[in-house]
Amino acid sequence: MFFFVVTNSADRDPQFNHINNLGNFNNSNNLSSNLSSQKELRNSILMAAYKVPIENIRNYTNQLSQQYGFNGSILVAKNGKILFEEHIGRKDLRLKDPIDSTSTYQLASVSKQFTAAAILLLYQEGKLDLDDFASKYLTDFPYKDIKIRHLLNHISGLPNYMYAAEKNWKSKTPPDNEAMLNLMDKLKMQPYFKPGDRFDYSNTGYFILASIVSKVSKQSLSDFLGNRFFKPLNLTNTYVHNPNEASKKEELIGFRRYGKSYIAIPFTVNDGVVGDKGVYSTASDLFKWNQSLTNRTILNDSILSKAFLPGKTNSGKIVPYGFGFRLKQEIDTELVYHNGVWNGFSTTLRRYKADDITIIILSNNSFSSITPISEKLREISKDFSKYDPFVSFLENTNIYDINRLKINLVNFTEIPRAECVAIIEKIANIYNKQNERFVPHKYSEVSNPNYVNQQYQTLLN
């Protein structure tokens, strides 16, 4: 349908670019380009109906950047369409190159949903069961009573692997998943509780899940996700990071504030472990991923629906976590989301189901207010719903019948009349420059070059 994108802070007013550049039909040499622009014109006009809430979001992101030092990417979508995307600040806070749409961020714990999806795909294909013990696939796994389901729901009781390498890893090369598991076994790290007894958020559980994916598929997590998800979904800027390989050109590094400046955060000993973190991506790729889940593109509905069900402990207590997603029932909507924090990166992917709003925030300067920012953006985005009837009206009305448009504005009491009139008068200004007899009456006719060409030839005759 339509979208609004700002690629950097300098590009701030593209609202009517397509409209202003159309020209008119007086010059037959411009006919082809004008005809091909009709659908684009229509979309620009429709997008203009959302101008006020979009401007409110932009004003808020300006404030985040100028007053609070936000550095990163923000995306807001509704009904499966991107309405706002902005990239703020610099790739490297010590240099001047601006962040852009291809800059990739460490997703931190937002990576967990990819690991869970990999497990679910293997389950969908009958290659494992969610109630299998992890030791069925990892023969040397020392925690024999832990099931795959326990790992997915964070009720396994596994100890925190991050403490192991920080104190006991001597090599300059960071340990990978297999080396980390061997280290935990060597150190005889004891579980915190019996599997299923309670919820305890566990990064260890998700690196174990990644190890199971590798064992069952006979591929690394990177290759499995790349072959089965990233490539089929055209996630061209999404990959699993390997600290032992050269960084990709668009890969951002994390920063931490130090006095009045920022210092880069070097890779740490735990960076070689993946599954709990390690996926790098962009805002737009993450949105594509979100849409693939909504549309059941790869995982079918019966399988994927399990990911959005809360877990249960042995006593029947509800756990506010599905498979790779946190679950929260708010007053007016169900929220499916995950946040992430790792080495200067702060991330979130949120879906507010009641009004079908998706919010993605990615930052690389240790920005700590991701949750309140998300909540504020969602509050502003509620205003999109007020404009939905007006957008629908524009889509199903002869947009060239200016008088009828103005008469029917009485139906949109939630929108100030002046706003609607301004949009309609903008349309009038465009078409008053064209021959009044050139009047297609339906959207299907506007977007059909053959029909438009026929009307134009009638004018010539």
Protein backbone atom coordinates (compact mmCIF):
# COMPACT_ATOMS: atom_id res chain seq x y z
CA MET A 1 0.00 0.00 0.00
CA PHE A 2 2.32 2.77 1.18
CA PHE A 3 5.23 3.58 3.46
CA PHE A 4 7.33 6.42 4.79
CA VAL A 5 11.11 6.13 5.07
CA VAL A 6 13.75 8.58 6.25
CA THR A 7 17.23 7.25 5.58
CA ASN A 8 19.10 9.86 7.57
CA SER A 9 18.46 12.89 9.70
CA ALA A 10 19.13 15.31 6.83
CA ASP A 11 16.35 13.87 4.65
CA ARG A 12 13.37 15.21 6.53
CA ASP A 13 10.61 16.26 4.13
CA PRO A 14 9.86 13.75 1.38
CA GLN A 15 6.12 13.80 1.99
CA PHE A 16 5.07 14.94 -1.49
CA ASN A 17 8.18 14.20 -3.56
CA HIS A 18 6.33 11.91 -5.98
CA ILE A 19 3.51 14.40 -6.29
CA ASN A 20 5.64 17.47 -6.88
CA ASN A 21 7.78 15.71 -9.48
CA LEU A 22 4.94 14.44 -11.64
CA GLY A 23 4.72 17.34 -14.08
CA ASN A 24 1.71 17.23 -16.43
CA PHE A 25 0.46 15.57 -19.60
CA ASN A 26 0.96 18.53 -21.94
CA ASN A 27 4.28 17.14 -23.14
CA SER A 28 3.73 13.77 -24.82
CA ASN A 29 7.42 12.92 -24.28
CA ASN A 30 6.68 12.74 -20.56
CA LEU A 31 3.70 10.43 -21.04
CA SER A 32 5.45 7.18 -20.18
CA SER A 33 7.01 8.41 -16.96
CA ASN A 34 3.79 10.11 -15.92
CA LEU A 35 1.71 7.01 -16.53
CA SER A 36 4.09 4.81 -14.56
CA SER A 37 3.92 7.29 -11.70
CA GLN A 38 0.15 7.08 -11.26
CA LYS A 39 0.19 4.28 -8.70
CA GLU A 40 3.11 5.88 -6.90
CA LEU A 41 1.16 9.12 -6.84
CA ARG A 42 -1.81 7.36 -5.36
CA ASN A 43 0.31 5.84 -2.63
CA SER A 44 1.88 9.20 -1.82
CA ILE A 45 -1.55 10.78 -1.45
CA LEU A 46 -2.70 7.97 0.82
CA MET A 47 0.45 8.17 2.88
CA ALA A 48 -0.17 11.87 3.36
CA ALA A 49 -3.28 10.99 5.35
CA TYR A 50 -0.99 9.64 8.07
CA LYS A 51 1.15 12.77 8.04
CA VAL A 52 0.30 13.97 11.56
CA PRO A 53 1.17 10.80 13.51
CA ILE A 54 4.27 10.34 11.34
CA GLU A 55 5.35 13.89 12.15
CA ASN A 56 4.75 13.21 15.85
CA ILE A 57 7.00 10.16 15.71
CA ARG A 58 9.66 12.15 13.87
CA ASN A 59 9.51 14.93 16.46
CA TYR A 60 9.98 12.37 19.20
CA THR A 61 12.96 10.72 17.51
CA ASN A 62 14.49 14.18 17.03
CA GLN A 63 14.21 14.65 20.76
CA LEU A 64 15.79 11.26 21.44
CA SER A 65 18.74 12.15 19.26
CA GLN A 66 19.30 15.77 20.23
CA GLN A 67 18.52 15.64 23.95
CA TYR A 68 19.27 12.06 24.94
CA GLY A 69 21.98 11.00 22.50
CA PHE A 70 20.19 8.08 20.86
CA ASN A 71 22.35 6.45 18.18
CA GLY A 72 20.74 3.75 16.06
CA SER A 73 17.70 2.74 13.99
CA ILE A 74 13.97 2.98 14.69
CA LEU A 75 11.18 1.38 12.66
CA VAL A 76 7.42 1.58 13.18
CA ALA A 77 4.94 -0.47 11.14
CA LYS A 78 1.18 -0.96 11.15
CA ASN A 79 -0.87 -3.63 9.44
CA GLY A 80 2.26 -5.11 7.92
CA LYS A 81 3.40 -1.83 6.30
CA ILE A 82 6.39 0.27 7.33
CA LEU A 83 5.17 3.79 8.12
CA PHE A 84 8.37 5.14 9.65
CA GLU A 85 12.02 4.12 9.47
CA GLU A 86 14.88 6.32 10.56
CA HIS A 87 18.62 5.84 11.04
CA ILE A 88 20.15 8.27 13.51
CA GLY A 89 23.76 9.02 14.30
CA ARG A 90 27.09 7.52 13.32
CA LYS A 91 28.35 4.02 12.62
CA ASP A 92 31.47 4.62 14.68
CA LEU A 93 31.00 7.29 17.34
CA ARG A 94 34.64 8.31 16.90
CA LEU A 95 34.12 9.03 13.18
CA LYS A 96 31.58 10.79 10.94
CA ASP A 97 30.09 8.09 8.69
CA PRO A 98 26.30 8.04 9.26
CA ILE A 99 24.36 4.92 10.13
CA ASP A 100 22.25 3.78 7.18
CA SER A 101 19.74 1.09 6.28
CA THR A 102 22.47 -1.53 5.72
CA SER A 103 24.25 -1.03 9.06
CA THR A 104 24.04 -4.30 11.02
CA TYR A 105 23.56 -4.55 14.78
CA GLN A 106 24.30 -7.33 17.24
CA LEU A 107 20.74 -8.34 18.16
CA ALA A 108 21.84 -9.73 21.54
CA SER A 109 18.96 -11.69 23.10
CA VAL A 110 16.61 -10.86 20.22
CA SER A 111 18.70 -13.61 18.56
CA LYS A 112 16.95 -16.20 20.74
CA GLN A 113 13.86 -16.25 18.53
CA PHE A 114 15.97 -17.38 15.58
CA THR A 115 17.38 -20.26 17.64
CA ALA A 116 13.87 -21.21 18.75
CA ALA A 117 12.65 -21.05 15.14
CA ALA A 118 15.45 -23.41 14.08
CA ILE A 119 14.37 -25.92 16.73
CA LEU A 120 10.73 -25.59 15.65
CA LEU A 121 11.63 -26.15 12.00
CA LEU A 122 13.42 -29.39 12.90
CA TYR A 123 10.36 -30.33 14.97
CA GLN A 124 8.08 -29.51 12.02
CA GLU A 125 10.18 -31.84 9.86
CA GLY A 126 9.99 -34.65 12.42
CA LYS A 127 13.70 -34.61 13.23
CA LEU A 128 13.26 -34.02 16.96
CA ASP A 129 10.55 -33.71 19.59
CA LEU A 130 10.16 -30.88 22.07
CA ASP A 131 9.94 -33.39 24.92
CA ASP A 132 13.17 -35.15 23.96
CA PHE A 133 15.98 -34.96 26.48
CA ALA A 134 18.87 -32.77 25.34
CA SER A 135 21.23 -35.67 26.08
CA LYS A 136 19.62 -37.64 23.24
CA TYR A 137 21.47 -35.37 20.81
CA LEU A 138 24.39 -34.19 22.95
CA THR A 139 25.73 -37.49 24.26
CA ASP A 140 28.22 -35.89 26.66
CA PHE A 141 25.68 -33.42 28.04
CA PRO A 142 26.03 -33.75 31.82
CA TYR A 143 22.52 -32.55 32.73
CA LYS A 144 20.52 -35.66 31.91
CA ASP A 145 16.99 -34.65 33.00
CA ILE A 146 16.66 -31.51 30.88
CA LYS A 147 14.25 -31.56 27.93
CA ILE A 148 14.26 -29.32 24.87
CA ARG A 149 11.03 -27.73 26.12
CA HIS A 150 12.74 -26.82 29.41
CA LEU A 151 15.46 -25.02 27.47
CA LEU A 152 12.99 -23.11 25.29
CA ASN A 153 10.92 -21.90 28.27
CA HIS A 154 13.88 -21.02 30.55
CA ILE A 155 12.90 -23.57 33.18
CA SER A 156 15.93 -25.86 32.84
CA GLY A 157 17.86 -24.75 35.94
CA LEU A 158 21.15 -24.63 34.01
CA PRO A 159 23.98 -22.55 35.53
CA ASN A 160 25.21 -19.40 33.80
CA TYR A 161 27.92 -20.32 31.31
CA MET A 162 29.29 -16.77 31.17
CA TYR A 163 31.00 -17.15 34.53
CA ALA A 164 32.92 -20.20 33.33
CA ALA A 165 35.02 -18.67 30.55
CA GLU A 166 35.54 -15.32 32.26
CA LYS A 167 37.56 -17.05 34.98
CA ASN A 168 38.82 -20.23 33.36
CA TRP A 169 39.41 -19.72 29.61
CA LYS A 170 43.09 -19.21 28.83
CA SER A 171 43.22 -19.24 25.01
CA LYS A 172 43.16 -16.00 23.01
CA THR A 173 40.57 -17.58 20.70
CA PRO A 174 37.08 -17.31 22.23
CA PRO A 175 35.39 -20.67 22.91
CA ASP A 176 32.62 -21.79 20.58
CA ASN A 177 29.54 -23.68 21.76
CA GLU A 178 31.24 -27.07 21.90
CA ALA A 179 34.27 -25.75 23.78
CA MET A 180 32.02 -23.93 26.24
CA LEU A 181 29.99 -27.05 26.95
CA ASN A 182 33.18 -29.03 27.53
CA LEU A 183 34.41 -26.33 29.92
CA MET A 184 31.17 -26.43 31.91
CA ASP A 185 31.45 -30.20 32.17
CA LYS A 186 35.08 -29.97 33.27
CA LEU A 187 34.21 -27.44 35.96
CA LYS A 188 31.29 -29.59 37.19
CA MET A 189 28.99 -26.57 37.25
CA GLN A 190 25.93 -27.50 39.29
CA PRO A 191 22.34 -26.80 38.19
CA TYR A 192 20.39 -24.18 40.11
CA PHE A 193 17.26 -26.30 40.53
CA LYS A 194 15.43 -29.36 39.24
CA PRO A 195 14.28 -28.95 35.60
CA GLY A 196 10.79 -27.45 35.42
CA ASP A 197 10.66 -26.24 39.02
CA ARG A 198 10.75 -22.52 38.22
CA PHE A 199 11.50 -19.86 35.63
CA ASP A 200 15.07 -18.54 35.49
CA TYR A 201 16.12 -16.66 32.35
CA SER A 202 19.00 -18.67 30.91
CA ASN A 203 21.46 -17.74 28.20
CA THR A 204 23.00 -21.18 28.71
CA GLY A 205 19.79 -22.89 27.64
CA TYR A 206 19.78 -21.16 24.26
CA PHE A 207 23.39 -21.92 23.43
CA ILE A 208 22.56 -25.56 24.22
CA LEU A 209 19.59 -25.33 21.82
CA ALA A 210 21.92 -23.98 19.12
CA SER A 211 24.21 -26.95 19.74
CA ILE A 212 21.26 -29.32 19.28
CA VAL A 213 20.39 -27.62 15.98
CA SER A 214 23.96 -28.17 14.78
CA LYS A 215 23.98 -31.80 15.88
CA VAL A 216 20.65 -32.71 14.28
CA SER A 217 21.14 -30.74 11.04
CA LYS A 218 24.88 -31.49 10.73
CA GLN A 219 25.36 -27.77 10.03
CA SER A 220 26.57 -24.86 12.10
CA LEU A 221 23.83 -22.61 13.45
CA SER A 222 25.08 -19.97 11.01
CA ASP A 223 24.70 -22.26 8.00
CA PHE A 224 21.35 -23.67 9.12
CA LEU A 225 19.78 -20.26 9.70
CA GLY A 226 21.31 -18.94 6.49
CA ASN A 227 20.07 -21.81 4.33
CA ARG A 228 16.64 -22.29 5.90
CA PHE A 229 15.63 -18.77 6.93
CA PHE A 230 17.90 -15.90 5.89
CA LYS A 231 18.21 -16.76 2.19
CA PRO A 232 14.57 -17.88 1.59
CA LEU A 233 13.29 -14.73 3.31
CA ASN A 234 15.77 -12.47 1.48
CA LEU A 235 17.32 -11.25 4.72
CA THR A 236 20.38 -10.04 2.86
CA ASN A 237 21.93 -8.21 5.81
CA THR A 238 21.36 -10.87 8.47
CA TYR A 239 23.93 -13.41 9.61
CA VAL A 240 25.45 -15.13 12.65
CA HIS A 241 28.61 -13.39 13.79
CA ASN A 242 31.88 -15.29 14.09
CA PRO A 243 34.52 -13.42 16.18
CA ASN A 244 37.26 -15.53 14.62
CA GLU A 245 36.49 -14.13 11.15
CA ALA A 246 36.95 -10.62 9.77
CA SER A 247 34.06 -8.29 10.56
CA LYS A 248 31.71 -7.46 7.70
CA LYS A 249 31.90 -3.98 6.20
CA GLU A 250 28.54 -2.78 7.54
CA GLU A 251 28.91 -4.43 10.96
CA LEU A 252 28.64 -1.94 13.80
CA ILE A 253 30.59 -2.10 17.03
CA GLY A 254 29.22 -1.28 20.45
CA PHE A 255 30.16 1.77 22.51
CA ARG A 256 30.01 2.75 26.15
CA ARG A 257 29.90 6.30 27.45
CA TYR A 258 33.03 7.41 29.27
CA GLY A 259 32.77 10.94 30.64
CA LYS A 260 31.80 13.17 27.72
CA SER A 261 32.93 10.73 25.04
CA TYR A 262 32.42 7.12 24.01
CA ILE A 263 34.83 4.20 24.00
CA ALA A 264 34.52 1.14 21.79
CA ILE A 265 33.78 -2.15 23.54
CA PRO A 266 36.15 -4.89 22.38
CA PHE A 267 34.99 -8.43 21.71
CA THR A 268 34.90 -10.51 24.88
CA VAL A 269 35.64 -14.13 25.73
CA ASN A 270 31.94 -15.07 25.47
CA ASP A 271 31.44 -13.67 21.96
CA GLY A 272 32.16 -17.02 20.32
CA VAL A 273 29.09 -18.64 21.87
CA VAL A 274 25.92 -18.28 19.78
CA GLY A 275 22.26 -19.14 20.07
CA ASP A 276 21.60 -16.90 23.03
CA LYS A 277 22.98 -13.96 21.01
CA GLY A 278 25.18 -13.58 17.93
CA VAL A 279 22.73 -12.76 15.12
CA TYR A 280 23.45 -9.45 13.38
CA SER A 281 20.73 -7.71 11.37
CA THR A 282 19.15 -4.43 10.25
CA ALA A 283 15.82 -2.85 11.14
CA SER A 284 14.29 -3.66 7.74
CA ASP A 285 15.53 -7.27 7.75
CA LEU A 286 14.16 -7.73 11.24
CA PHE A 287 10.82 -6.43 10.00
CA LYS A 288 10.86 -8.96 7.14
CA TRP A 289 11.56 -11.65 9.71
CA ASN A 290 8.64 -10.44 11.81
CA GLN A 291 6.34 -10.57 8.78
CA SER A 292 7.46 -14.11 7.96
CA LEU A 293 6.30 -15.17 11.42
CA THR A 294 3.00 -13.32 11.07
CA ASN A 295 2.37 -14.83 7.62
CA ARG A 296 3.61 -18.33 8.58
CA THR A 297 5.98 -18.23 5.61
CA ILE A 298 8.26 -21.08 6.73
CA LEU A 299 6.89 -22.40 10.01
CA ASN A 300 3.27 -23.53 9.75
CA ASP A 301 0.54 -22.25 12.04
CA SER A 302 0.22 -25.34 14.24
CA ILE A 303 3.96 -25.30 14.91
CA LEU A 304 4.51 -21.56 15.27
CA SER A 305 1.50 -21.07 17.53
CA LYS A 306 3.39 -23.06 20.17
CA ALA A 307 6.05 -20.35 20.25
CA PHE A 308 3.50 -17.82 21.50
CA LEU A 309 2.06 -19.93 24.32
CA PRO A 310 3.37 -19.34 27.85
CA GLY A 311 5.29 -22.14 29.48
CA LYS A 312 4.41 -23.92 32.73
CA THR A 313 6.47 -25.08 35.68
CA ASN A 314 6.09 -28.52 37.27
CA SER A 315 3.57 -27.02 39.71
CA GLY A 316 1.50 -25.53 36.87
CA LYS A 317 2.62 -21.95 37.38
CA ILE A 318 2.43 -19.90 34.17
CA VAL A 319 5.74 -18.69 32.75
CA PRO A 320 5.59 -15.37 30.78
CA TYR A 321 7.84 -16.76 28.05
CA GLY A 322 7.11 -18.82 24.96
CA PHE A 323 9.77 -20.17 22.62
CA GLY A 324 12.17 -17.28 22.02
CA PHE A 325 9.60 -14.61 22.90
CA ARG A 326 8.51 -12.84 26.05
CA LEU A 327 4.74 -12.61 26.46
CA LYS A 328 2.89 -9.86 28.28
CA GLN A 329 -0.81 -9.09 28.62
CA GLU A 330 -1.24 -5.32 28.79
CA ILE A 331 -4.50 -3.51 29.52
CA ASP A 332 -5.48 -3.11 25.87
CA THR A 333 -3.32 -5.58 23.96
CA GLU A 334 -1.22 -8.72 24.00
CA LEU A 335 2.46 -7.87 23.60
CA VAL A 336 4.91 -10.34 22.03
CA TYR A 337 8.46 -9.07 22.32
CA HIS A 338 12.09 -9.51 23.23
CA ASN A 339 14.77 -7.10 24.36
CA GLY A 340 18.51 -7.56 24.06
CA VAL A 341 21.60 -6.05 25.66
CA TRP A 342 25.19 -7.05 24.83
CA ASN A 343 28.49 -5.15 24.67
CA GLY A 344 27.01 -1.73 23.94
CA PHE A 345 24.07 -2.94 21.84
CA SER A 346 20.48 -2.43 23.00
CA THR A 347 17.69 -3.93 20.90
CA THR A 348 14.00 -4.71 20.86
CA LEU A 349 11.39 -6.22 18.54
CA ARG A 350 7.79 -5.72 19.70
CA ARG A 351 4.42 -6.69 18.27
CA TYR A 352 1.30 -5.12 19.77
CA LYS A 353 -1.35 -7.50 18.53
CA ALA A 354 -4.54 -5.50 19.16
CA ASP A 355 -3.66 -2.67 16.77
CA ASP A 356 -1.08 -4.63 14.72
CA ILE A 357 1.77 -2.26 15.47
CA THR A 358 5.38 -3.42 15.21
CA ILE A 359 8.22 -1.45 16.76
CA ILE A 360 11.91 -2.17 16.21
CA ILE A 361 14.68 -0.27 17.99
CA LEU A 362 18.38 -1.00 17.50
CA SER A 363 21.17 0.98 19.18
CA ASN A 364 24.93 0.64 19.54
CA ASN A 365 25.78 3.22 22.22
CA SER A 366 24.62 1.48 25.42
CA PHE A 367 21.27 3.28 25.30
CA SER A 368 19.40 2.02 28.35
CA SER A 369 15.86 3.31 27.80
CA ILE A 370 14.64 0.95 25.08
CA THR A 371 11.47 -0.08 26.93
CA PRO A 372 10.12 3.42 27.72
CA ILE A 373 10.98 4.54 24.18
CA SER A 374 9.01 1.59 22.80
CA GLU A 375 6.04 2.43 25.00
CA LYS A 376 6.09 6.08 23.91
CA LEU A 377 6.29 5.12 20.23
CA ARG A 378 3.38 2.76 20.65
CA GLU A 379 1.35 5.49 22.35
CA ILE A 380 2.00 7.87 19.45
CA SER A 381 1.29 5.11 16.92
CA LYS A 382 -2.19 4.57 18.31
CA ASP A 383 -3.14 7.71 16.36
CA PHE A 384 -2.71 5.79 13.10
CA SER A 385 -5.99 4.04 13.88
CA LYS A 386 -7.81 7.38 13.89
CA TYR A 387 -6.78 7.92 10.27
CA ASP A 388 -7.59 4.42 9.03
CA PRO A 389 -11.19 5.32 7.98
CA PHE A 390 -9.92 8.37 6.06
CA VAL A 391 -7.29 6.25 4.31
CA SER A 392 -9.93 3.68 3.41
CA PHE A 393 -12.17 6.48 2.13
CA LEU A 394 -9.40 7.80 -0.12
CA GLU A 395 -8.70 4.31 -1.43
CA ASN A 396 -12.30 3.75 -2.43
CA THR A 397 -13.31 7.18 -3.67
CA ASN A 398 -12.70 9.03 -6.93
CA ILE A 399 -9.84 11.14 -5.63
CA TYR A 400 -10.38 13.67 -8.43
CA ASP A 401 -13.93 14.50 -7.27
CA ILE A 402 -12.73 17.24 -4.93
CA ASN A 403 -16.17 18.55 -3.95
CA ARG A 404 -17.43 15.10 -2.99
CA LEU A 405 -14.32 14.50 -0.92
CA LYS A 406 -14.87 17.71 1.02
CA ILE A 407 -18.57 17.03 1.58
CA ASN A 408 -17.85 13.60 3.03
CA LEU A 409 -15.27 14.89 5.49
CA VAL A 410 -18.07 15.12 8.02
CA ASN A 411 -17.65 11.35 8.43
CA PHE A 412 -14.19 11.70 10.00
CA THR A 413 -14.89 13.41 13.28
CA GLU A 414 -11.68 12.19 14.95
CA ILE A 415 -9.50 14.05 12.46
CA PRO A 416 -9.42 17.87 12.40
CA ARG A 417 -11.23 18.98 9.27
CA ALA A 418 -8.37 21.32 8.38
CA GLU A 419 -6.00 18.36 8.08
CA CYS A 420 -8.28 16.54 5.67
CA VAL A 421 -8.92 19.66 3.63
CA ALA A 422 -5.19 20.34 3.34
CA ILE A 423 -4.62 16.89 1.90
CA ILE A 424 -7.51 17.19 -0.54
CA GLU A 425 -6.48 20.66 -1.68
CA LYS A 426 -3.01 19.31 -2.35
CA ILE A 427 -4.63 16.78 -4.66
CA ALA A 428 -6.66 19.54 -6.31
CA ASN A 429 -3.54 21.61 -6.95
CA ILE A 430 -2.00 18.69 -8.79
CA TYR A 431 -4.91 17.89 -11.03
CA ASN A 432 -5.93 21.45 -11.77
CA LYS A 433 -2.69 21.58 -13.75
CA GLN A 434 -3.90 18.73 -15.94
CA ASN A 435 -6.67 18.56 -18.51
CA GLU A 436 -10.00 18.35 -16.66
CA ARG A 437 -11.27 15.71 -19.10
CA PHE A 438 -8.52 13.33 -17.98
CA VAL A 439 -10.60 11.77 -15.19
CA PRO A 440 -10.17 8.06 -14.41
CA HIS A 441 -12.74 7.14 -11.76
CA LYS A 442 -11.40 4.07 -9.99
CA TYR A 443 -8.14 3.09 -8.32
CA SER A 444 -7.92 0.06 -10.64
CA GLU A 445 -8.13 2.44 -13.61
CA VAL A 446 -5.55 4.82 -12.16
CA SER A 447 -3.05 1.98 -11.80
CA ASN A 448 -3.77 0.54 -15.27
CA PRO A 449 -1.42 2.16 -17.84
CA ASN A 450 -3.48 0.84 -20.77
CA TYR A 451 -6.62 2.56 -19.51
CA VAL A 452 -4.77 5.80 -18.80
CA ASN A 453 -3.11 5.73 -22.23
CA GLN A 454 -6.51 5.22 -23.88
CA GLN A 455 -7.87 8.27 -22.06
CA TYR A 456 -4.88 10.30 -23.10
CA GLN A 457 -5.27 9.29 -26.75
CA THR A 458 -8.90 10.42 -26.54
CA LEU A 459 -7.69 13.85 -25.50
CA LEU A 460 -5.31 13.99 -28.47
CA ASN A 461 -8.13 13.18 -30.88
